[in-house]
Amino acid sequence: MHEYDRLPVNQVGDARGGIRVLLLDYGGVCTPSTREFLAAQDQDGCPSLVAAQDATRPECRSVVARARAAGICVAILSNEIDRSWAASVPLLAEVDHVIACSDNGLLKPDRRAYQRALMVTGSSADQVLFVDDEPENVAGARAVGIEALLFDVDRAADCWAEIAERVKGP
């Protein structure tokens, strides 16, 4: 296990028979997609200052906090995250695990990427809710028995509301 796989640990709690692990893709789910980010450019083609300062979707931070308060382990499973981002991306310090697929070349939708996530989080497939904006990654998770939601970047607020409902505390 890489040190990067294990950020500050929140014990996986009993989520009242619901999910025990919320597994999130990073780009497109936790942050705007490339298409959204490019649409936020100013007239000179530069990303807007607000977008550049902290691109994490506000709903993401709220749901992550809510899930952790409910005893649900929160993990990021991403093909794009690099170890060097850990110090500069606040969200990465707010989750229990960051699983960088690029560390070992097992990228989503390879089933071994999801199996690694199960190992890192100490969970079984039926305890996990995975969220991704790429249909092939959602299919990959489902192929190993993980419940998966397809995140629609054009309906981001609605998708986060659905995720929030799934991680609702007592």
N, C-alpha and C. Protein backbone atom coordinates (compact mmCIF):
# COMPACT_ATOMS: atom_id res chain seq x y z
N MET A 1 0.85 -1.18 0.00
CA MET A 1 0.00 0.00 0.00
C MET A 1 0.89 1.23 0.00
N HIS A 2 0.60 2.17 -0.86
CA HIS A 2 1.35 3.41 -0.92
C HIS A 2 0.91 4.34 0.19
N GLU A 3 1.85 5.16 0.68
CA GLU A 3 1.52 6.15 1.69
C GLU A 3 0.36 7.03 1.19
N TYR A 4 0.36 7.30 -0.11
CA TYR A 4 -0.66 8.15 -0.71
C TYR A 4 -2.04 7.52 -0.64
N ASP A 5 -2.11 6.19 -0.57
CA ASP A 5 -3.39 5.50 -0.48
C ASP A 5 -4.06 5.75 0.86
N ARG A 6 -3.29 6.14 1.82
CA ARG A 6 -3.82 6.19 3.18
C ARG A 6 -3.61 7.57 3.77
N LEU A 7 -4.53 8.47 3.52
CA LEU A 7 -4.51 9.78 4.15
C LEU A 7 -5.16 9.63 5.52
N PRO A 8 -5.34 10.68 6.31
CA PRO A 8 -5.92 10.52 7.65
C PRO A 8 -7.15 9.62 7.65
N VAL A 9 -7.17 8.68 8.55
CA VAL A 9 -8.16 7.62 8.52
C VAL A 9 -9.39 7.94 9.36
N ASN A 10 -10.53 7.74 8.78
CA ASN A 10 -11.81 7.79 9.47
C ASN A 10 -12.30 6.35 9.48
N GLN A 11 -12.54 5.80 10.64
CA GLN A 11 -12.97 4.41 10.71
C GLN A 11 -14.28 4.23 9.95
N VAL A 12 -14.35 3.15 9.20
CA VAL A 12 -15.58 2.84 8.47
C VAL A 12 -16.62 2.45 9.51
N GLY A 13 -17.72 3.17 9.53
CA GLY A 13 -18.74 2.90 10.53
C GLY A 13 -19.91 2.15 9.96
N ASP A 14 -20.86 1.86 10.80
CA ASP A 14 -22.08 1.20 10.37
C ASP A 14 -22.99 2.27 9.79
N ALA A 15 -23.21 2.21 8.51
CA ALA A 15 -24.03 3.21 7.84
C ALA A 15 -25.50 2.78 7.84
N ARG A 16 -25.94 2.19 8.95
CA ARG A 16 -27.33 1.80 9.12
C ARG A 16 -27.82 0.90 7.99
N GLY A 17 -26.99 -0.07 7.63
CA GLY A 17 -27.39 -1.00 6.58
C GLY A 17 -27.19 -0.45 5.18
N GLY A 18 -26.76 0.78 5.07
CA GLY A 18 -26.54 1.39 3.76
C GLY A 18 -25.11 1.22 3.32
N ILE A 19 -24.64 2.15 2.52
CA ILE A 19 -23.27 2.06 2.04
C ILE A 19 -22.29 2.31 3.18
N ARG A 20 -21.15 1.69 3.09
CA ARG A 20 -20.08 1.91 4.06
C ARG A 20 -18.93 2.68 3.44
N VAL A 21 -18.87 2.70 2.10
CA VAL A 21 -17.79 3.40 1.40
C VAL A 21 -18.39 4.20 0.24
N LEU A 22 -18.05 5.47 0.17
CA LEU A 22 -18.39 6.32 -0.96
C LEU A 22 -17.11 6.49 -1.76
N LEU A 23 -17.09 5.95 -2.96
CA LEU A 23 -15.91 5.95 -3.83
C LEU A 23 -16.18 6.90 -4.98
N LEU A 24 -15.40 7.96 -5.07
CA LEU A 24 -15.64 9.03 -6.03
C LEU A 24 -14.52 9.15 -7.05
N ASP A 25 -14.90 9.38 -8.30
CA ASP A 25 -13.94 9.80 -9.31
C ASP A 25 -13.59 11.25 -8.98
N TYR A 26 -12.43 11.71 -9.42
CA TYR A 26 -12.03 13.08 -9.11
C TYR A 26 -12.47 14.06 -10.20
N GLY A 27 -11.84 14.00 -11.37
CA GLY A 27 -12.16 14.94 -12.44
C GLY A 27 -13.52 14.69 -13.06
N GLY A 28 -14.37 15.70 -13.05
CA GLY A 28 -15.72 15.57 -13.59
C GLY A 28 -16.76 15.35 -12.51
N VAL A 29 -16.38 14.72 -11.41
CA VAL A 29 -17.31 14.50 -10.30
C VAL A 29 -16.98 15.47 -9.16
N CYS A 30 -15.79 15.35 -8.59
CA CYS A 30 -15.39 16.25 -7.49
C CYS A 30 -15.04 17.63 -8.01
N THR A 31 -14.56 17.69 -9.23
CA THR A 31 -14.20 18.96 -9.86
C THR A 31 -14.93 19.05 -11.20
N PRO A 32 -15.03 20.24 -11.76
CA PRO A 32 -15.65 20.35 -13.07
C PRO A 32 -14.90 19.52 -14.11
N SER A 33 -15.62 19.10 -15.13
CA SER A 33 -15.01 18.36 -16.23
C SER A 33 -14.16 19.32 -17.05
N THR A 34 -13.33 18.77 -17.91
CA THR A 34 -12.50 19.61 -18.78
C THR A 34 -13.38 20.54 -19.60
N ARG A 35 -14.49 20.03 -20.11
CA ARG A 35 -15.40 20.86 -20.90
C ARG A 35 -15.94 22.02 -20.07
N GLU A 36 -16.33 21.76 -18.82
CA GLU A 36 -16.83 22.83 -17.96
C GLU A 36 -15.75 23.85 -17.64
N PHE A 37 -14.54 23.35 -17.37
CA PHE A 37 -13.44 24.23 -17.02
C PHE A 37 -13.09 25.15 -18.19
N LEU A 38 -13.05 24.59 -19.40
CA LEU A 38 -12.75 25.40 -20.57
C LEU A 38 -13.84 26.43 -20.84
N ALA A 39 -15.08 26.10 -20.53
CA ALA A 39 -16.18 27.05 -20.71
C ALA A 39 -16.07 28.22 -19.75
N ALA A 40 -15.33 28.05 -18.66
CA ALA A 40 -15.19 29.11 -17.66
C ALA A 40 -14.01 30.04 -17.97
N GLN A 41 -13.39 29.89 -19.13
CA GLN A 41 -12.25 30.74 -19.47
C GLN A 41 -12.71 32.16 -19.74
N ASP A 42 -11.81 33.10 -19.49
CA ASP A 42 -12.12 34.50 -19.78
C ASP A 42 -11.89 34.78 -21.26
N GLN A 43 -12.03 36.05 -21.65
CA GLN A 43 -11.91 36.42 -23.06
C GLN A 43 -10.54 36.11 -23.65
N ASP A 44 -9.51 36.11 -22.81
CA ASP A 44 -8.15 35.84 -23.29
C ASP A 44 -7.83 34.35 -23.33
N GLY A 45 -8.79 33.51 -22.98
CA GLY A 45 -8.56 32.07 -22.99
C GLY A 45 -7.91 31.54 -21.73
N CYS A 46 -7.84 32.38 -20.69
CA CYS A 46 -7.26 31.95 -19.42
C CYS A 46 -8.36 31.45 -18.50
N PRO A 47 -8.10 30.37 -17.76
CA PRO A 47 -9.10 29.91 -16.80
C PRO A 47 -9.44 31.03 -15.83
N SER A 48 -10.70 31.11 -15.43
CA SER A 48 -11.09 32.16 -14.50
C SER A 48 -10.34 32.00 -13.19
N LEU A 49 -10.06 33.11 -12.52
CA LEU A 49 -9.32 33.10 -11.26
C LEU A 49 -10.05 32.27 -10.22
N VAL A 50 -11.37 32.40 -10.16
CA VAL A 50 -12.14 31.65 -9.17
C VAL A 50 -11.99 30.15 -9.43
N ALA A 51 -12.10 29.73 -10.68
CA ALA A 51 -11.98 28.31 -11.00
C ALA A 51 -10.59 27.80 -10.68
N ALA A 52 -9.58 28.62 -10.90
CA ALA A 52 -8.20 28.18 -10.67
C ALA A 52 -7.88 28.07 -9.18
N GLN A 53 -8.50 28.89 -8.33
CA GLN A 53 -8.17 28.88 -6.91
C GLN A 53 -8.58 27.59 -6.23
N ASP A 54 -9.75 27.12 -6.48
CA ASP A 54 -10.19 25.85 -5.90
C ASP A 54 -11.33 25.32 -6.75
N ALA A 55 -11.02 24.34 -7.55
CA ALA A 55 -11.98 23.83 -8.52
C ALA A 55 -12.94 22.80 -7.93
N THR A 56 -12.79 22.45 -6.66
CA THR A 56 -13.67 21.44 -6.08
C THR A 56 -15.11 21.95 -6.06
N ARG A 57 -16.03 21.11 -6.52
CA ARG A 57 -17.44 21.48 -6.49
C ARG A 57 -17.87 21.67 -5.03
N PRO A 58 -18.56 22.77 -4.69
CA PRO A 58 -18.98 22.99 -3.30
C PRO A 58 -19.85 21.86 -2.76
N GLU A 59 -20.70 21.29 -3.62
CA GLU A 59 -21.56 20.18 -3.18
C GLU A 59 -20.72 18.97 -2.77
N CYS A 60 -19.59 18.80 -3.42
CA CYS A 60 -18.71 17.68 -3.11
C CYS A 60 -18.21 17.80 -1.68
N ARG A 61 -17.71 18.96 -1.33
CA ARG A 61 -17.20 19.17 0.04
C ARG A 61 -18.28 18.89 1.07
N SER A 62 -19.48 19.36 0.81
CA SER A 62 -20.59 19.17 1.74
C SER A 62 -20.93 17.69 1.90
N VAL A 63 -21.00 16.97 0.79
CA VAL A 63 -21.34 15.54 0.85
C VAL A 63 -20.22 14.75 1.51
N VAL A 64 -18.98 15.08 1.22
CA VAL A 64 -17.85 14.39 1.86
C VAL A 64 -17.94 14.56 3.37
N ALA A 65 -18.18 15.78 3.83
CA ALA A 65 -18.28 16.03 5.28
C ALA A 65 -19.46 15.27 5.87
N ARG A 66 -20.57 15.28 5.18
CA ARG A 66 -21.77 14.58 5.66
C ARG A 66 -21.54 13.07 5.74
N ALA A 67 -20.92 12.52 4.73
CA ALA A 67 -20.64 11.08 4.71
C ALA A 67 -19.71 10.69 5.86
N ARG A 68 -18.65 11.45 6.03
CA ARG A 68 -17.70 11.12 7.10
C ARG A 68 -18.36 11.25 8.46
N ALA A 69 -19.23 12.25 8.63
CA ALA A 69 -19.94 12.41 9.91
C ALA A 69 -20.88 11.24 10.17
N ALA A 70 -21.36 10.61 9.10
CA ALA A 70 -22.25 9.46 9.23
C ALA A 70 -21.47 8.14 9.37
N GLY A 71 -20.13 8.24 9.43
CA GLY A 71 -19.31 7.04 9.59
C GLY A 71 -19.02 6.31 8.30
N ILE A 72 -19.26 6.98 7.17
CA ILE A 72 -18.99 6.38 5.87
C ILE A 72 -17.57 6.75 5.44
N CYS A 73 -16.82 5.77 5.02
CA CYS A 73 -15.47 5.99 4.49
C CYS A 73 -15.61 6.66 3.12
N VAL A 74 -14.82 7.69 2.88
CA VAL A 74 -14.85 8.37 1.59
C VAL A 74 -13.48 8.21 0.93
N ALA A 75 -13.49 7.75 -0.32
CA ALA A 75 -12.25 7.54 -1.06
C ALA A 75 -12.37 8.11 -2.47
N ILE A 76 -11.25 8.56 -2.99
CA ILE A 76 -11.16 9.02 -4.37
C ILE A 76 -10.45 7.92 -5.16
N LEU A 77 -11.02 7.54 -6.29
CA LEU A 77 -10.39 6.58 -7.21
C LEU A 77 -10.25 7.30 -8.54
N SER A 78 -9.01 7.63 -8.91
CA SER A 78 -8.82 8.46 -10.09
C SER A 78 -7.68 7.96 -10.97
N ASN A 79 -7.90 8.05 -12.27
CA ASN A 79 -6.84 7.74 -13.23
C ASN A 79 -5.86 8.91 -13.37
N GLU A 80 -6.30 10.12 -13.02
CA GLU A 80 -5.49 11.31 -13.30
C GLU A 80 -4.72 11.87 -12.11
N ILE A 81 -5.11 11.59 -10.90
CA ILE A 81 -4.47 12.22 -9.75
C ILE A 81 -3.00 11.81 -9.67
N ASP A 82 -2.19 12.77 -9.30
CA ASP A 82 -0.76 12.55 -9.13
C ASP A 82 -0.42 12.80 -7.66
N ARG A 83 0.53 12.06 -7.14
CA ARG A 83 0.95 12.21 -5.74
C ARG A 83 1.26 13.65 -5.38
N SER A 84 1.86 14.38 -6.30
CA SER A 84 2.30 15.74 -6.00
C SER A 84 1.13 16.68 -5.70
N TRP A 85 -0.09 16.27 -6.04
CA TRP A 85 -1.25 17.13 -5.80
C TRP A 85 -1.68 17.15 -4.35
N ALA A 86 -1.30 16.17 -3.57
CA ALA A 86 -1.83 16.00 -2.21
C ALA A 86 -1.69 17.26 -1.37
N ALA A 87 -0.58 17.95 -1.48
CA ALA A 87 -0.36 19.14 -0.65
C ALA A 87 -1.12 20.36 -1.16
N SER A 88 -1.49 20.37 -2.43
CA SER A 88 -2.11 21.58 -2.99
C SER A 88 -3.60 21.47 -3.26
N VAL A 89 -4.19 20.32 -3.06
CA VAL A 89 -5.62 20.14 -3.30
C VAL A 89 -6.29 19.83 -1.97
N PRO A 90 -6.95 20.83 -1.35
CA PRO A 90 -7.53 20.64 -0.02
C PRO A 90 -8.46 19.43 0.11
N LEU A 91 -9.24 19.13 -0.91
CA LEU A 91 -10.18 18.01 -0.83
C LEU A 91 -9.46 16.70 -0.52
N LEU A 92 -8.26 16.52 -1.04
CA LEU A 92 -7.55 15.26 -0.86
C LEU A 92 -7.19 15.01 0.61
N ALA A 93 -7.12 16.07 1.40
CA ALA A 93 -6.87 15.91 2.84
C ALA A 93 -8.17 15.67 3.61
N GLU A 94 -9.31 15.85 2.95
CA GLU A 94 -10.60 15.71 3.60
C GLU A 94 -11.21 14.32 3.44
N VAL A 95 -10.60 13.48 2.62
CA VAL A 95 -11.12 12.13 2.40
C VAL A 95 -10.23 11.12 3.12
N ASP A 96 -10.74 9.91 3.27
CA ASP A 96 -10.01 8.87 3.98
C ASP A 96 -8.91 8.24 3.15
N HIS A 97 -9.15 8.06 1.87
CA HIS A 97 -8.18 7.41 0.99
C HIS A 97 -8.17 8.10 -0.37
N VAL A 98 -6.98 8.20 -0.93
CA VAL A 98 -6.82 8.65 -2.31
C VAL A 98 -6.11 7.52 -3.04
N ILE A 99 -6.78 6.96 -4.03
CA ILE A 99 -6.24 5.82 -4.77
C ILE A 99 -5.92 6.31 -6.18
N ALA A 100 -4.63 6.48 -6.43
CA ALA A 100 -4.17 6.97 -7.73
C ALA A 100 -3.88 5.78 -8.63
N CYS A 101 -4.75 5.57 -9.59
CA CYS A 101 -4.59 4.43 -10.50
C CYS A 101 -3.27 4.50 -11.27
N SER A 102 -2.79 5.70 -11.51
CA SER A 102 -1.55 5.87 -12.27
C SER A 102 -0.33 5.34 -11.53
N ASP A 103 -0.45 5.11 -10.23
CA ASP A 103 0.68 4.57 -9.45
C ASP A 103 1.14 3.22 -9.97
N ASN A 104 0.19 2.40 -10.40
CA ASN A 104 0.56 1.05 -10.82
C ASN A 104 0.07 0.71 -12.23
N GLY A 105 -0.51 1.68 -12.92
CA GLY A 105 -0.95 1.46 -14.29
C GLY A 105 -2.26 0.71 -14.45
N LEU A 106 -2.91 0.38 -13.33
CA LEU A 106 -4.21 -0.30 -13.40
C LEU A 106 -5.30 0.77 -13.42
N LEU A 107 -5.63 1.22 -14.61
CA LEU A 107 -6.56 2.33 -14.78
C LEU A 107 -7.99 1.83 -14.90
N LYS A 108 -8.95 2.65 -14.42
CA LYS A 108 -10.35 2.36 -14.66
C LYS A 108 -10.56 2.36 -16.17
N PRO A 109 -11.30 1.48 -16.72
CA PRO A 109 -12.25 0.55 -16.12
C PRO A 109 -11.70 -0.86 -15.84
N ASP A 110 -10.40 -1.04 -15.79
CA ASP A 110 -9.83 -2.35 -15.47
C ASP A 110 -10.36 -2.81 -14.11
N ARG A 111 -10.89 -4.00 -14.05
CA ARG A 111 -11.50 -4.52 -12.81
C ARG A 111 -10.52 -4.49 -11.65
N ARG A 112 -9.23 -4.61 -11.93
CA ARG A 112 -8.24 -4.60 -10.85
C ARG A 112 -8.14 -3.24 -10.17
N ALA A 113 -8.50 -2.16 -10.85
CA ALA A 113 -8.52 -0.84 -10.20
C ALA A 113 -9.58 -0.82 -9.10
N TYR A 114 -10.74 -1.40 -9.37
CA TYR A 114 -11.82 -1.44 -8.38
C TYR A 114 -11.48 -2.42 -7.26
N GLN A 115 -10.84 -3.53 -7.62
CA GLN A 115 -10.44 -4.50 -6.60
C GLN A 115 -9.40 -3.88 -5.66
N ARG A 116 -8.52 -3.06 -6.21
CA ARG A 116 -7.55 -2.35 -5.37
C ARG A 116 -8.29 -1.40 -4.42
N ALA A 117 -9.30 -0.71 -4.92
CA ALA A 117 -10.07 0.20 -4.06
C ALA A 117 -10.74 -0.57 -2.93
N LEU A 118 -11.27 -1.75 -3.23
CA LEU A 118 -11.89 -2.57 -2.18
C LEU A 118 -10.85 -2.97 -1.14
N MET A 119 -9.65 -3.33 -1.59
CA MET A 119 -8.59 -3.71 -0.67
C MET A 119 -8.17 -2.53 0.21
N VAL A 120 -7.96 -1.38 -0.40
CA VAL A 120 -7.52 -0.19 0.34
C VAL A 120 -8.56 0.23 1.38
N THR A 121 -9.83 0.16 1.02
CA THR A 121 -10.89 0.58 1.94
C THR A 121 -11.33 -0.52 2.89
N GLY A 122 -10.84 -1.73 2.67
CA GLY A 122 -11.21 -2.85 3.54
C GLY A 122 -12.69 -3.19 3.45
N SER A 123 -13.23 -3.10 2.25
CA SER A 123 -14.67 -3.31 2.08
C SER A 123 -14.94 -4.38 1.03
N SER A 124 -16.18 -4.83 1.01
CA SER A 124 -16.62 -5.74 -0.04
C SER A 124 -17.45 -4.93 -1.04
N ALA A 125 -17.60 -5.46 -2.23
CA ALA A 125 -18.27 -4.73 -3.30
C ALA A 125 -19.67 -4.26 -2.92
N ASP A 126 -20.40 -5.06 -2.15
CA ASP A 126 -21.78 -4.70 -1.81
C ASP A 126 -21.88 -3.58 -0.77
N GLN A 127 -20.75 -3.09 -0.28
CA GLN A 127 -20.74 -2.01 0.71
C GLN A 127 -20.38 -0.66 0.09
N VAL A 128 -20.16 -0.63 -1.22
CA VAL A 128 -19.59 0.55 -1.87
C VAL A 128 -20.58 1.18 -2.85
N LEU A 129 -20.59 2.51 -2.86
CA LEU A 129 -21.26 3.29 -3.90
C LEU A 129 -20.17 4.04 -4.64
N PHE A 130 -20.05 3.78 -5.95
CA PHE A 130 -19.05 4.42 -6.79
C PHE A 130 -19.74 5.43 -7.69
N VAL A 131 -19.11 6.60 -7.87
CA VAL A 131 -19.67 7.66 -8.70
C VAL A 131 -18.61 8.11 -9.71
N ASP A 132 -18.98 8.10 -10.99
CA ASP A 132 -18.04 8.50 -12.05
C ASP A 132 -18.84 9.13 -13.18
N ASP A 133 -18.18 10.00 -13.95
CA ASP A 133 -18.86 10.65 -15.07
C ASP A 133 -18.61 9.95 -16.40
N GLU A 134 -17.87 8.85 -16.39
CA GLU A 134 -17.60 8.10 -17.61
C GLU A 134 -18.37 6.78 -17.59
N PRO A 135 -19.24 6.56 -18.58
CA PRO A 135 -20.04 5.33 -18.60
C PRO A 135 -19.21 4.05 -18.53
N GLU A 136 -18.06 4.01 -19.19
CA GLU A 136 -17.25 2.79 -19.16
C GLU A 136 -16.69 2.50 -17.76
N ASN A 137 -16.44 3.54 -16.97
CA ASN A 137 -15.95 3.34 -15.61
C ASN A 137 -17.08 2.86 -14.70
N VAL A 138 -18.27 3.37 -14.92
CA VAL A 138 -19.45 2.90 -14.17
C VAL A 138 -19.68 1.42 -14.49
N ALA A 139 -19.59 1.06 -15.76
CA ALA A 139 -19.76 -0.34 -16.16
C ALA A 139 -18.68 -1.22 -15.55
N GLY A 140 -17.45 -0.73 -15.49
CA GLY A 140 -16.36 -1.49 -14.89
C GLY A 140 -16.60 -1.78 -13.42
N ALA A 141 -17.10 -0.80 -12.69
CA ALA A 141 -17.41 -1.00 -11.27
C ALA A 141 -18.54 -2.01 -11.11
N ARG A 142 -19.56 -1.86 -11.92
CA ARG A 142 -20.69 -2.80 -11.84
C ARG A 142 -20.26 -4.23 -12.16
N ALA A 143 -19.28 -4.38 -13.03
CA ALA A 143 -18.80 -5.71 -13.41
C ALA A 143 -18.17 -6.46 -12.24
N VAL A 144 -17.70 -5.72 -11.23
CA VAL A 144 -17.14 -6.39 -10.04
C VAL A 144 -18.12 -6.37 -8.87
N GLY A 145 -19.37 -5.97 -9.14
CA GLY A 145 -20.41 -6.02 -8.12
C GLY A 145 -20.59 -4.77 -7.30
N ILE A 146 -19.94 -3.68 -7.69
CA ILE A 146 -20.07 -2.41 -6.98
C ILE A 146 -21.25 -1.64 -7.55
N GLU A 147 -22.10 -1.10 -6.67
CA GLU A 147 -23.18 -0.23 -7.13
C GLU A 147 -22.53 1.05 -7.65
N ALA A 148 -22.96 1.51 -8.81
CA ALA A 148 -22.33 2.68 -9.42
C ALA A 148 -23.36 3.62 -10.00
N LEU A 149 -23.11 4.91 -9.83
CA LEU A 149 -23.96 5.96 -10.38
C LEU A 149 -23.20 6.71 -11.46
N LEU A 150 -23.86 6.96 -12.56
CA LEU A 150 -23.27 7.77 -13.62
C LEU A 150 -23.56 9.24 -13.31
N PHE A 151 -22.50 10.02 -13.13
CA PHE A 151 -22.60 11.44 -12.79
C PHE A 151 -22.74 12.23 -14.08
N ASP A 152 -23.81 13.00 -14.19
CA ASP A 152 -24.08 13.82 -15.37
C ASP A 152 -23.57 15.23 -15.09
N VAL A 153 -22.48 15.63 -15.74
CA VAL A 153 -21.88 16.94 -15.47
C VAL A 153 -22.81 18.08 -15.82
N ASP A 154 -23.79 17.84 -16.68
CA ASP A 154 -24.76 18.88 -17.03
C ASP A 154 -25.85 19.02 -15.96
N ARG A 155 -25.90 18.07 -15.06
CA ARG A 155 -26.87 18.10 -13.95
C ARG A 155 -26.13 17.87 -12.62
N ALA A 156 -24.98 18.51 -12.48
CA ALA A 156 -24.11 18.26 -11.32
C ALA A 156 -24.83 18.45 -9.99
N ALA A 157 -25.58 19.54 -9.85
CA ALA A 157 -26.26 19.80 -8.57
C ALA A 157 -27.27 18.69 -8.26
N ASP A 158 -28.01 18.24 -9.26
CA ASP A 158 -28.98 17.15 -9.05
C ASP A 158 -28.26 15.85 -8.67
N CYS A 159 -27.15 15.58 -9.33
CA CYS A 159 -26.40 14.36 -9.01
C CYS A 159 -25.87 14.41 -7.59
N TRP A 160 -25.33 15.56 -7.17
CA TRP A 160 -24.83 15.66 -5.80
C TRP A 160 -25.97 15.55 -4.79
N ALA A 161 -27.16 16.05 -5.14
CA ALA A 161 -28.31 15.90 -4.24
C ALA A 161 -28.66 14.42 -4.07
N GLU A 162 -28.59 13.66 -5.16
CA GLU A 162 -28.87 12.22 -5.08
C GLU A 162 -27.82 11.51 -4.22
N ILE A 163 -26.56 11.87 -4.40
CA ILE A 163 -25.49 11.27 -3.59
C ILE A 163 -25.69 11.64 -2.12
N ALA A 164 -26.03 12.90 -1.86
CA ALA A 164 -26.25 13.35 -0.48
C ALA A 164 -27.36 12.55 0.19
N GLU A 165 -28.40 12.26 -0.56
CA GLU A 165 -29.51 11.46 -0.02
C GLU A 165 -29.04 10.06 0.36
N ARG A 166 -28.14 9.52 -0.43
CA ARG A 166 -27.61 8.17 -0.15
C ARG A 166 -26.73 8.12 1.09
N VAL A 167 -26.10 9.24 1.44
CA VAL A 167 -25.19 9.24 2.59
C VAL A 167 -25.79 9.97 3.79
N LYS A 168 -27.09 10.15 3.75
CA LYS A 168 -27.77 10.86 4.82
C LYS A 168 -27.50 10.17 6.15
N GLY A 169 -27.16 10.94 7.14
CA GLY A 169 -26.92 10.41 8.48
C GLY A 169 -28.22 10.13 9.20
N PRO A 170 -28.09 9.81 10.48
CA PRO A 170 -29.29 9.47 11.27
C PRO A 170 -30.28 10.61 11.38
